[in-house]
C-alpha atoms as a PDB file:
ATOM      1  CA  MET A   1     120.058  88.521  47.906  1.00  0.00           C
ATOM      2  CA  ARG A   2     122.884  86.193  48.847  1.00  0.00           C
ATOM      3  CA  LEU A   3     122.046  84.045  51.865  1.00  0.00           C
ATOM      4  CA  GLY A   4     124.229  81.781  53.937  1.00  0.00           C
ATOM      5  CA  VAL A   5     122.946  78.821  55.942  1.00  0.00           C
ATOM      6  CA  LEU A   6     125.148  77.255  58.605  1.00  0.00           C
ATOM      7  CA  ASP A   7     123.792  73.806  59.458  1.00  0.00           C
ATOM      8  CA  ILE A   8     125.275  72.211  62.591  1.00  0.00           C
ATOM      9  CA  GLY A   9     124.117  68.641  62.285  1.00  0.00           C
ATOM     10  CA  SER A  10     124.932  65.500  64.217  1.00  0.00           C
ATOM     11  CA  ASN A  11     127.170  64.209  61.418  1.00  0.00           C
ATOM     12  CA  THR A  12     128.207  67.200  59.366  1.00  0.00           C
ATOM     13  CA  VAL A  13     128.627  70.947  59.798  1.00  0.00           C
ATOM     14  CA  HIS A  14     127.829  72.659  56.521  1.00  0.00           C
ATOM     15  CA  LEU A  15     127.919  76.206  55.195  1.00  0.00           C
ATOM     16  CA  LEU A  16     125.728  76.634  52.128  1.00  0.00           C
ATOM     17  CA  VAL A  17     125.620  79.940  50.244  1.00  0.00           C
ATOM     18  CA  VAL A  18     122.771  80.573  47.808  1.00  0.00           C
ATOM     19  CA  ASP A  19     121.540  83.357  45.561  1.00  0.00           C
ATOM     20  CA  ALA A  20     117.825  83.763  46.097  1.00  0.00           C
ATOM     21  CA  HIS A  21     114.857  86.062  46.311  1.00  0.00           C
ATOM     22  CA  ARG A  22     111.215  85.564  47.168  1.00  0.00           C
ATOM     23  CA  GLY A  23     109.433  83.407  44.604  1.00  0.00           C
ATOM     24  CA  ALA A  24     112.658  82.163  43.012  1.00  0.00           C
ATOM     25  CA  ARG A  25     114.474  78.870  43.235  1.00  0.00           C
ATOM     26  CA  PRO A  26     117.539  79.185  45.509  1.00  0.00           C
ATOM     27  CA  MET A  27     120.667  78.754  43.410  1.00  0.00           C
ATOM     28  CA  PRO A  28     123.676  77.235  45.210  1.00  0.00           C
ATOM     29  CA  ALA A  29     126.732  79.475  44.937  1.00  0.00           C
ATOM     30  CA  TYR A  30     129.189  77.928  47.407  1.00  0.00           C
ATOM     31  CA  SER A  31     129.393  74.993  49.781  1.00  0.00           C
ATOM     32  CA  HIS A  32     131.833  74.159  52.555  1.00  0.00           C
ATOM     33  CA  LYS A  33     131.408  71.268  54.969  1.00  0.00           C
ATOM     34  CA  GLU A  34     133.220  69.017  57.398  1.00  0.00           C
ATOM     35  CA  ALA A  35     132.293  65.607  58.793  1.00  0.00           C
ATOM     36  CA  LEU A  36     132.616  66.715  62.413  1.00  0.00           C
ATOM     37  CA  ARG A  37     130.334  63.956  63.842  1.00  0.00           C
ATOM     38  CA  LEU A  38     129.488  65.771  67.044  1.00  0.00           C
ATOM     39  CA  THR A  39     127.739  62.745  68.551  1.00  0.00           C
ATOM     40  CA  GLU A  40     131.133  61.046  68.843  1.00  0.00           C
ATOM     41  CA  TYR A  41     132.211  63.796  71.254  1.00  0.00           C
ATOM     42  CA  LEU A  42     129.383  63.136  73.719  1.00  0.00           C
ATOM     43  CA  ASP A  43     130.721  61.690  76.967  1.00  0.00           C
ATOM     44  CA  GLU A  44     128.941  59.341  79.384  1.00  0.00           C
ATOM     45  CA  ASP A  45     127.150  62.333  80.935  1.00  0.00           C
ATOM     46  CA  ASN A  46     125.889  63.388  77.480  1.00  0.00           C
ATOM     47  CA  ARG A  47     128.114  66.462  77.449  1.00  0.00           C
ATOM     48  CA  LEU A  48     130.015  67.620  74.402  1.00  0.00           C
ATOM     49  CA  ALA A  49     133.703  67.203  75.162  1.00  0.00           C
ATOM     50  CA  ALA A  50     136.153  70.087  74.946  1.00  0.00           C
ATOM     51  CA  GLU A  51     137.719  68.796  71.728  1.00  0.00           C
ATOM     52  CA  GLY A  52     134.341  68.723  69.999  1.00  0.00           C
ATOM     53  CA  VAL A  53     133.522  72.240  71.230  1.00  0.00           C
ATOM     54  CA  GLU A  54     136.874  73.505  69.975  1.00  0.00           C
ATOM     55  CA  ARG A  55     136.405  71.941  66.539  1.00  0.00           C
ATOM     56  CA  LEU A  56     132.885  73.313  66.280  1.00  0.00           C
ATOM     57  CA  GLY A  57     134.009  76.808  67.269  1.00  0.00           C
ATOM     58  CA  ALA A  58     136.845  76.720  64.753  1.00  0.00           C
ATOM     59  CA  PHE A  59     134.496  75.663  61.951  1.00  0.00           C
ATOM     60  CA  VAL A  60     131.928  78.368  62.740  1.00  0.00           C
ATOM     61  CA  GLU A  61     134.667  80.990  62.885  1.00  0.00           C
ATOM     62  CA  GLU A  62     135.972  79.801  59.516  1.00  0.00           C
ATOM     63  CA  ALA A  63     132.438  79.777  58.084  1.00  0.00           C
ATOM     64  CA  VAL A  64     131.933  83.412  59.087  1.00  0.00           C
ATOM     65  CA  HIS A  65     135.062  84.469  57.201  1.00  0.00           C
ATOM     66  CA  LEU A  66     134.066  82.410  54.164  1.00  0.00           C
ATOM     67  CA  ALA A  67     130.551  83.871  54.188  1.00  0.00           C
ATOM     68  CA  GLU A  68     132.014  87.385  54.274  1.00  0.00           C
ATOM     69  CA  ASP A  69     134.355  86.537  51.397  1.00  0.00           C
ATOM     70  CA  LYS A  70     131.413  85.257  49.354  1.00  0.00           C
ATOM     71  CA  GLY A  71     129.349  88.390  49.941  1.00  0.00           C
ATOM     72  CA  VAL A  72     126.680  86.860  52.172  1.00  0.00           C
ATOM     73  CA  GLU A  73     124.107  89.431  53.331  1.00  0.00           C
ATOM     74  CA  ASP A  74     122.338  87.283  55.904  1.00  0.00           C
ATOM     75  CA  LEU A  75     123.770  84.240  57.710  1.00  0.00           C
ATOM     76  CA  LEU A  76     121.261  81.851  59.298  1.00  0.00           C
ATOM     77  CA  ALA A  77     122.813  79.395  61.724  1.00  0.00           C
ATOM     78  CA  PHE A  78     121.030  76.491  63.344  1.00  0.00           C
ATOM     79  CA  ALA A  79     121.828  73.325  65.290  1.00  0.00           C
ATOM     80  CA  THR A  80     119.931  70.043  65.446  1.00  0.00           C
ATOM     81  CA  SER A  81     119.795  67.006  67.717  1.00  0.00           C
ATOM     82  CA  ALA A  82     123.447  66.609  68.794  1.00  0.00           C
ATOM     83  CA  VAL A  83     123.584  70.092  70.315  1.00  0.00           C
ATOM     84  CA  ARG A  84     119.890  70.158  71.244  1.00  0.00           C
ATOM     85  CA  GLU A  85     120.222  67.088  73.445  1.00  0.00           C
ATOM     86  CA  ALA A  86     123.687  67.687  74.867  1.00  0.00           C
ATOM     87  CA  ALA A  87     123.605  68.441  78.578  1.00  0.00           C
ATOM     88  CA  ASN A  88     125.889  71.435  78.003  1.00  0.00           C
ATOM     89  CA  GLY A  89     124.367  72.481  74.674  1.00  0.00           C
ATOM     90  CA  GLU A  90     123.446  76.026  75.738  1.00  0.00           C
ATOM     91  CA  GLU A  91     126.872  76.538  77.255  1.00  0.00           C
ATOM     92  CA  VAL A  92     128.554  75.319  74.061  1.00  0.00           C
ATOM     93  CA  LEU A  93     126.540  77.654  71.844  1.00  0.00           C
ATOM     94  CA  ALA A  94     127.274  80.591  74.137  1.00  0.00           C
ATOM     95  CA  GLN A  95     131.012  79.874  73.796  1.00  0.00           C
ATOM     96  CA  VAL A  96     130.735  79.585  70.019  1.00  0.00           C
ATOM     97  CA  GLU A  97     128.770  82.836  69.776  1.00  0.00           C
ATOM     98  CA  GLU A  98     131.312  84.682  71.917  1.00  0.00           C
ATOM     99  CA  ARG A  99     134.122  83.376  69.698  1.00  0.00           C
ATOM    100  CA  SER A 100     132.495  83.913  66.299  1.00  0.00           C
ATOM    101  CA  GLY A 101     129.784  86.502  66.823  1.00  0.00           C
ATOM    102  CA  VAL A 102     127.212  84.110  65.323  1.00  0.00           C
ATOM    103  CA  HIS A 103     123.919  83.439  67.089  1.00  0.00           C
ATOM    104  CA  ILE A 104     122.902  79.810  66.547  1.00  0.00           C
ATOM    105  CA  GLU A 105     119.262  78.800  66.844  1.00  0.00           C
ATOM    106  CA  VAL A 106     118.529  75.348  68.239  1.00  0.00           C
ATOM    107  CA  LEU A 107     115.780  73.744  66.189  1.00  0.00           C
ATOM    108  CA  SER A 108     113.351  71.398  67.876  1.00  0.00           C
ATOM    109  CA  GLY A 109     112.792  68.027  66.258  1.00  0.00           C
ATOM    110  CA  ARG A 110     109.322  69.153  65.229  1.00  0.00           C
ATOM    111  CA  ASP A 111     110.738  72.258  63.541  1.00  0.00           C
ATOM    112  CA  GLU A 112     113.241  70.083  61.681  1.00  0.00           C
ATOM    113  CA  ALA A 113     110.353  68.003  60.376  1.00  0.00           C
ATOM    114  CA  ARG A 114     108.283  71.086  59.470  1.00  0.00           C
ATOM    115  CA  LEU A 115     111.019  72.882  57.576  1.00  0.00           C
ATOM    116  CA  THR A 116     112.077  69.730  55.742  1.00  0.00           C
ATOM    117  CA  PHE A 117     108.443  69.176  54.774  1.00  0.00           C
ATOM    118  CA  LEU A 118     108.272  72.728  53.402  1.00  0.00           C
ATOM    119  CA  ALA A 119     111.295  72.074  51.183  1.00  0.00           C
ATOM    120  CA  VAL A 120     109.777  68.866  49.850  1.00  0.00           C
ATOM    121  CA  ARG A 121     106.437  70.570  49.192  1.00  0.00           C
ATOM    122  CA  ARG A 122     108.100  73.368  47.229  1.00  0.00           C
ATOM    123  CA  TRP A 123     110.153  70.872  45.234  1.00  0.00           C
ATOM    124  CA  TYR A 124     107.234  68.682  44.159  1.00  0.00           C
ATOM    125  CA  GLY A 125     104.476  71.313  44.163  1.00  0.00           C
ATOM    126  CA  TRP A 126     100.773  71.178  44.911  1.00  0.00           C
ATOM    127  CA  SER A 127     100.062  68.517  42.285  1.00  0.00           C
ATOM    128  CA  SER A 128     101.802  65.951  44.498  1.00  0.00           C
ATOM    129  CA  GLY A 129      98.797  65.981  46.850  1.00  0.00           C
ATOM    130  CA  ARG A 130      99.219  64.629  50.362  1.00  0.00           C
ATOM    131  CA  LEU A 131     102.904  64.143  51.146  1.00  0.00           C
ATOM    132  CA  LEU A 132     104.492  61.731  53.593  1.00  0.00           C
ATOM    133  CA  VAL A 133     108.092  62.739  54.299  1.00  0.00           C
ATOM    134  CA  PHE A 134     110.886  60.868  56.090  1.00  0.00           C
ATOM    135  CA  ASP A 135     114.338  62.177  57.008  1.00  0.00           C
ATOM    136  CA  ILE A 136     116.995  60.078  58.753  1.00  0.00           C
ATOM    137  CA  GLY A 137     119.689  62.240  60.296  1.00  0.00           C
ATOM    138  CA  GLY A 138     122.619  61.399  62.505  1.00  0.00           C
ATOM    139  CA  GLY A 139     120.675  61.876  65.723  1.00  0.00           C
ATOM    140  CA  SER A 140     116.991  61.679  64.854  1.00  0.00           C
ATOM    141  CA  LEU A 141     114.315  60.519  62.449  1.00  0.00           C
ATOM    142  CA  GLU A 142     111.791  63.118  61.296  1.00  0.00           C
ATOM    143  CA  ILE A 143     108.368  62.220  59.920  1.00  0.00           C
ATOM    144  CA  ALA A 144     105.824  64.707  58.548  1.00  0.00           C
ATOM    145  CA  ALA A 145     102.635  64.488  56.508  1.00  0.00           C
ATOM    146  CA  GLY A 146     100.095  66.905  55.076  1.00  0.00           C
ATOM    147  CA  VAL A 147      98.446  68.564  52.100  1.00  0.00           C
ATOM    148  CA  ASP A 148      99.664  72.138  52.681  1.00  0.00           C
ATOM    149  CA  GLU A 149     103.057  73.767  53.227  1.00  0.00           C
ATOM    150  CA  GLU A 150     102.586  73.318  56.957  1.00  0.00           C
ATOM    151  CA  PRO A 151     102.252  69.590  57.738  1.00  0.00           C
ATOM    152  CA  ASP A 152      99.249  68.182  59.583  1.00  0.00           C
ATOM    153  CA  VAL A 153     101.633  66.222  61.780  1.00  0.00           C
ATOM    154  CA  ALA A 154     105.367  66.524  62.405  1.00  0.00           C
ATOM    155  CA  VAL A 155     107.221  64.001  64.559  1.00  0.00           C
ATOM    156  CA  SER A 156     110.843  63.579  65.637  1.00  0.00           C
ATOM    157  CA  LEU A 157     112.160  60.326  67.081  1.00  0.00           C
ATOM    158  CA  PRO A 158     115.637  59.601  68.554  1.00  0.00           C
ATOM    159  CA  LEU A 159     116.393  57.131  65.769  1.00  0.00           C
ATOM    160  CA  GLY A 160     119.259  58.761  63.905  1.00  0.00           C
ATOM    161  CA  ALA A 161     121.736  56.478  62.174  1.00  0.00           C
ATOM    162  CA  GLY A 162     124.750  57.748  64.107  1.00  0.00           C
ATOM    163  CA  ARG A 163     123.023  57.621  67.478  1.00  0.00           C
ATOM    164  CA  LEU A 164     121.787  54.049  66.970  1.00  0.00           C
ATOM    165  CA  THR A 165     125.167  52.834  65.766  1.00  0.00           C
ATOM    166  CA  ARG A 166     126.879  54.292  68.832  1.00  0.00           C
ATOM    167  CA  ASP A 167     124.288  53.084  71.330  1.00  0.00           C
ATOM    168  CA  TRP A 168     123.410  49.627  70.000  1.00  0.00           C
ATOM    169  CA  PHE A 169     126.345  48.166  68.044  1.00  0.00           C
ATOM    170  CA  THR A 170     129.582  47.048  69.680  1.00  0.00           C
ATOM    171  CA  ALA A 171     131.147  45.358  66.659  1.00  0.00           C
ATOM    172  CA  ASP A 172     131.552  45.985  62.926  1.00  0.00           C
ATOM    173  CA  PRO A 173     129.680  44.211  61.485  1.00  0.00           C
ATOM    174  CA  PRO A 174     127.252  43.936  64.401  1.00  0.00           C
ATOM    175  CA  SER A 175     126.259  40.549  65.760  1.00  0.00           C
ATOM    176  CA  ALA A 176     122.958  39.000  64.713  1.00  0.00           C
ATOM    177  CA  GLU A 177     121.665  39.488  68.263  1.00  0.00           C
ATOM    178  CA  GLU A 178     122.530  43.208  68.253  1.00  0.00           C
ATOM    179  CA  VAL A 179     120.790  43.609  64.909  1.00  0.00           C
ATOM    180  CA  ARG A 180     117.706  41.791  66.192  1.00  0.00           C
ATOM    181  CA  LYS A 181     117.499  43.947  69.312  1.00  0.00           C
ATOM    182  CA  LEU A 182     117.951  47.195  67.388  1.00  0.00           C
ATOM    183  CA  ARG A 183     115.421  46.162  64.760  1.00  0.00           C
ATOM    184  CA  LYS A 184     112.859  45.481  67.492  1.00  0.00           C
ATOM    185  CA  HIS A 185     113.586  48.812  69.204  1.00  0.00           C
ATOM    186  CA  VAL A 186     113.315  50.820  65.982  1.00  0.00           C
ATOM    187  CA  ARG A 187     110.050  49.213  64.955  1.00  0.00           C
ATOM    188  CA  THR A 188     108.515  49.648  68.378  1.00  0.00           C
ATOM    189  CA  GLU A 189     109.320  53.368  68.414  1.00  0.00           C
ATOM    190  CA  ILE A 190     108.067  53.992  64.886  1.00  0.00           C
ATOM    191  CA  ALA A 191     104.912  51.912  65.296  1.00  0.00           C
ATOM    192  CA  ARG A 192     103.755  54.240  68.084  1.00  0.00           C
ATOM    193  CA  THR A 193     103.575  57.145  65.610  1.00  0.00           C
ATOM    194  CA  VAL A 194     101.890  55.470  62.645  1.00  0.00           C
ATOM    195  CA  GLY A 195      98.302  56.017  63.771  1.00  0.00           C
ATOM    196  CA  ASP A 196      98.772  59.751  64.353  1.00  0.00           C
ATOM    197  CA  VAL A 197     100.622  60.275  61.073  1.00  0.00           C
ATOM    198  CA  VAL A 198      98.133  58.476  58.807  1.00  0.00           C
ATOM    199  CA  ARG A 199      94.982  59.584  60.632  1.00  0.00           C
ATOM    200  CA  ASN A 200      94.236  62.357  58.129  1.00  0.00           C
ATOM    201  CA  GLY A 201      94.481  60.188  55.048  1.00  0.00           C
ATOM    202  CA  GLU A 202      96.669  58.088  52.813  1.00  0.00           C
ATOM    203  CA  ALA A 203      99.650  59.779  51.190  1.00  0.00           C
ATOM    204  CA  ASP A 204      99.625  60.475  47.469  1.00  0.00           C
ATOM    205  CA  ARG A 205     103.415  60.627  47.431  1.00  0.00           C
ATOM    206  CA  ALA A 206     105.990  59.275  49.870  1.00  0.00           C
ATOM    207  CA  VAL A 207     109.310  61.117  49.907  1.00  0.00           C
ATOM    208  CA  ALA A 208     112.667  60.670  51.629  1.00  0.00           C
ATOM    209  CA  THR A 209     115.420  63.203  52.207  1.00  0.00           C
ATOM    210  CA  SER A 210     118.868  63.106  53.818  1.00  0.00           C
ATOM    211  CA  LYS A 211     122.212  61.550  52.993  1.00  0.00           C
ATOM    212  CA  THR A 212     121.236  58.179  54.456  1.00  0.00           C
ATOM    213  CA  PHE A 213     118.274  57.750  52.107  1.00  0.00           C
ATOM    214  CA  LYS A 214     120.281  59.079  49.161  1.00  0.00           C
ATOM    215  CA  GLN A 215     122.973  56.461  49.757  1.00  0.00           C
ATOM    216  CA  LEU A 216     120.438  53.668  50.223  1.00  0.00           C
ATOM    217  CA  ALA A 217     118.674  54.580  47.000  1.00  0.00           C
ATOM    218  CA  ARG A 218     122.006  54.721  45.168  1.00  0.00           C
ATOM    219  CA  ILE A 219     123.144  51.256  46.245  1.00  0.00           C
ATOM    220  CA  ALA A 220     119.682  49.958  45.292  1.00  0.00           C
ATOM    221  CA  GLY A 221     120.190  51.210  41.735  1.00  0.00           C
ATOM    222  CA  ALA A 222     119.146  54.886  41.674  1.00  0.00           C
ATOM    223  CA  ALA A 223     121.002  57.356  39.459  1.00  0.00           C
ATOM    224  CA  PRO A 224     124.242  58.908  40.775  1.00  0.00           C
ATOM    225  CA  SER A 225     124.374  62.539  41.894  1.00  0.00           C
ATOM    226  CA  SER A 226     126.360  63.401  38.770  1.00  0.00           C
ATOM    227  CA  ASP A 227     123.171  62.932  36.741  1.00  0.00           C
ATOM    228  CA  GLY A 228     121.752  66.090  38.325  1.00  0.00           C
ATOM    229  CA  PRO A 229     118.934  66.931  40.759  1.00  0.00           C
ATOM    230  CA  TYR A 230     116.016  66.450  38.358  1.00  0.00           C
ATOM    231  CA  VAL A 231     116.478  62.736  37.779  1.00  0.00           C
ATOM    232  CA  SER A 232     113.955  60.526  39.567  1.00  0.00           C
ATOM    233  CA  ARG A 233     115.607  58.515  42.345  1.00  0.00           C
ATOM    234  CA  PRO A 234     113.197  55.889  43.658  1.00  0.00           C
ATOM    235  CA  LEU A 235     113.709  53.369  46.436  1.00  0.00           C
ATOM    236  CA  SER A 236     111.435  50.322  46.467  1.00  0.00           C
ATOM    237  CA  ARG A 237     110.250  48.538  49.574  1.00  0.00           C
ATOM    238  CA  HIS A 238     111.492  45.197  48.250  1.00  0.00           C
ATOM    239  CA  ALA A 239     114.995  46.519  47.529  1.00  0.00           C
ATOM    240  CA  MET A 240     115.153  48.239  50.921  1.00  0.00           C
ATOM    241  CA  ALA A 241     114.211  45.036  52.740  1.00  0.00           C
ATOM    242  CA  ASP A 242     116.981  43.146  50.923  1.00  0.00           C
ATOM    243  CA  TRP A 243     119.626  45.775  51.625  1.00  0.00           C
ATOM    244  CA  ALA A 244     118.640  46.100  55.277  1.00  0.00           C
ATOM    245  CA  VAL A 245     119.743  42.476  55.675  1.00  0.00           C
ATOM    246  CA  LYS A 246     122.862  42.722  53.502  1.00  0.00           C
ATOM    247  CA  LEU A 247     124.235  45.882  55.091  1.00  0.00           C
ATOM    248  CA  THR A 248     124.094  44.483  58.625  1.00  0.00           C
ATOM    249  CA  THR A 249     126.341  41.591  57.557  1.00  0.00           C
ATOM    250  CA  MET A 250     128.984  43.872  56.003  1.00  0.00           C
ATOM    251  CA  GLY A 251     131.750  45.731  57.781  1.00  0.00           C
ATOM    252  CA  GLY A 252     132.227  49.468  57.312  1.00  0.00           C
ATOM    253  CA  ALA A 253     135.104  49.021  54.863  1.00  0.00           C
ATOM    254  CA  GLU A 254     132.960  46.777  52.667  1.00  0.00           C
ATOM    255  CA  ARG A 255     130.004  49.173  52.787  1.00  0.00           C
ATOM    256  CA  ALA A 256     132.294  52.028  51.752  1.00  0.00           C
ATOM    257  CA  GLN A 257     132.984  50.193  48.486  1.00  0.00           C
ATOM    258  CA  LEU A 258     129.313  50.324  47.494  1.00  0.00           C
ATOM    259  CA  PRO A 259     128.257  52.962  44.927  1.00  0.00           C
ATOM    260  CA  GLY A 260     127.471  56.341  46.474  1.00  0.00           C
ATOM    261  CA  VAL A 261     128.544  55.403  50.012  1.00  0.00           C
ATOM    262  CA  SER A 262     131.065  57.725  51.641  1.00  0.00           C
ATOM    263  CA  GLU A 263     133.728  56.322  53.938  1.00  0.00           C
ATOM    264  CA  GLY A 264     132.673  58.670  56.732  1.00  0.00           C
ATOM    265  CA  ARG A 265     129.081  57.413  56.779  1.00  0.00           C
ATOM    266  CA  ALA A 266     129.661  53.747  55.989  1.00  0.00           C
ATOM    267  CA  ALA A 267     129.830  52.752  59.666  1.00  0.00           C
ATOM    268  CA  GLN A 268     126.299  54.017  60.395  1.00  0.00           C
ATOM    269  CA  LEU A 269     124.594  52.908  57.183  1.00  0.00           C
ATOM    270  CA  ALA A 270     123.496  49.547  58.591  1.00  0.00           C
ATOM    271  CA  ALA A 271     121.541  51.198  61.398  1.00  0.00           C
ATOM    272  CA  GLY A 272     120.153  53.712  58.938  1.00  0.00           C
ATOM    273  CA  ALA A 273     118.984  50.882  56.704  1.00  0.00           C
ATOM    274  CA  LEU A 274     117.099  49.266  59.595  1.00  0.00           C
ATOM    275  CA  VAL A 275     115.265  52.558  60.162  1.00  0.00           C
ATOM    276  CA  ALA A 276     114.492  53.035  56.465  1.00  0.00           C
ATOM    277  CA  ASP A 277     113.227  49.472  56.159  1.00  0.00           C
ATOM    278  CA  ALA A 278     111.031  49.944  59.220  1.00  0.00           C
ATOM    279  CA  VAL A 279     109.360  53.157  58.030  1.00  0.00           C
ATOM    280  CA  MET A 280     108.629  51.708  54.599  1.00  0.00           C
ATOM    281  CA  ASP A 281     107.191  48.544  56.111  1.00  0.00           C
ATOM    282  CA  LEU A 282     105.187  50.059  58.969  1.00  0.00           C
ATOM    283  CA  PHE A 283     103.785  52.894  56.857  1.00  0.00           C
ATOM    284  CA  GLU A 284     103.151  50.426  53.993  1.00  0.00           C
ATOM    285  CA  VAL A 285     105.142  52.483  51.503  1.00  0.00           C
ATOM    286  CA  ASP A 286     105.975  50.519  48.365  1.00  0.00           C
ATOM    287  CA  ARG A 287     108.041  53.290  46.769  1.00  0.00           C
ATOM    288  CA  LEU A 288     109.898  56.294  48.135  1.00  0.00           C
ATOM    289  CA  GLU A 289     111.099  59.170  45.977  1.00  0.00           C
ATOM    290  CA  VAL A 290     114.354  60.783  47.143  1.00  0.00           C
ATOM    291  CA  CYS A 291     114.117  64.591  47.166  1.00  0.00           C
ATOM    292  CA  PRO A 292     117.264  66.697  46.648  1.00  0.00           C
ATOM    293  CA  TRP A 293     115.954  69.430  48.954  1.00  0.00           C
ATOM    294  CA  ALA A 294     115.820  69.017  52.722  1.00  0.00           C
ATOM    295  CA  LEU A 295     116.221  71.011  55.939  1.00  0.00           C
ATOM    296  CA  ARG A 296     118.721  73.615  54.706  1.00  0.00           C
ATOM    297  CA  GLU A 297     116.529  74.481  51.747  1.00  0.00           C
ATOM    298  CA  GLY A 298     113.505  74.648  54.025  1.00  0.00           C
ATOM    299  CA  VAL A 299     115.298  77.187  56.222  1.00  0.00           C
ATOM    300  CA  ILE A 300     116.191  79.282  53.168  1.00  0.00           C
ATOM    301  CA  LEU A 301     112.675  79.161  51.744  1.00  0.00           C
ATOM    302  CA  ARG A 302     111.085  80.138  55.044  1.00  0.00           C
ATOM    303  CA  ARG A 303     113.535  83.032  55.409  1.00  0.00           C
ATOM    304  CA  LEU A 304     112.586  84.312  51.959  1.00  0.00           C
ATOM    305  CA  ASP A 305     108.909  84.171  52.885  1.00  0.00           C
ATOM    306  CA  ILE A 306     109.446  86.562  55.802  1.00  0.00           C
ATOM    307  CA  LEU A 307     109.916  90.310  55.608  1.00  0.00           C
ATOM    308  CA  PRO A 308     113.485  91.619  56.051  1.00  0.00           C
ATOM    309  CA  GLY A 309     114.735  91.764  59.603  1.00  0.00           C
ATOM    310  CA  ARG A 310     116.118  89.455  62.212  1.00  0.00           C
ATOM    311  CA  PHE A 311     114.614  86.019  61.729  1.00  0.00           C
ATOM    312  CA  ASP A 312     113.578  83.450  64.323  1.00  0.00           C
ATOM    313  CA  LEU A 313     113.488  79.922  62.891  1.00  0.00           C
ATOM    314  CA  ARG A 314     111.512  78.618  65.860  1.00  0.00           C
ATOM    315  CA  THR A 315     108.540  80.918  65.227  1.00  0.00           C
ATOM    316  CA  ASP A 316     108.951  81.463  61.476  1.00  0.00           C
ATOM    317  CA  SER A 317     108.676  85.210  62.046  1.00  0.00           C
ATOM    318  CA  ALA A 318     110.618  88.410  61.663  1.00  0.00           C
ATOM    319  CA  LEU A 319     111.764  90.077  64.873  1.00  0.00           C
ATOM    320  CA  GLU A 320     111.804  93.781  65.574  1.00  0.00           C
END
């Protein structure tokens, strides 16, 4: 069947169309995305402003037409931290649904971590043993670990690269004092989770997903995306520690000149690097492997595991 996934993230809104059936690898057929950066439309009361709501509604409406043009049989739409935490999030989604006819599920942070973990497990297989998975998004950091397809522990922390940049940095590049304060905050938040995550055993493989980790691995020497998804893309703890320092001393324009760094994400890469450096250090990970599959693929895989019918991402079950 041809499936469509509409991912409303904190940085990007993305329609991905795949050809897939149960037991098969989803094959991408079409992709359309826009760097909407919803977190930038949050006002002082944590409400999504009218302009952001209008742009989101227009994109979803466009995505519906594109999905129809591409022959999509089932469109799964979900939103993550920017909408989940907005004071008017439910109101916004109701407006978008009325305009487009699309029902958008709001994923909890834990569900983000679970579904991302599923994608990583399917990519690397059972031979990878116990997995430890990190995902840095625009609004949150997800951490999950386990030996099965369902993680033993799944955690979401408000440590997304976009959120931290907006809330902690007032200059570009940030001052040394701002960097010090953010570094302390990030490490304090992550340190609280380490005991629970590692309680069930040491990981056999540590994996990272998301655009932030992909860009960090690329500037540290990993292969470009043009080399294909099956090339190993490692990120070492030593290289990450070095780049965490370098990136905080660069401005956004300078970061955008680095290999693999997009102009739209350059501004938040310094904060993202501080988070990546912290997780590798605090979890004592010497080497991360960057996985090409993440949350969207997890949503698709879980949908294919469920019998036909209306699908609820929050319960992983078919509805009557």
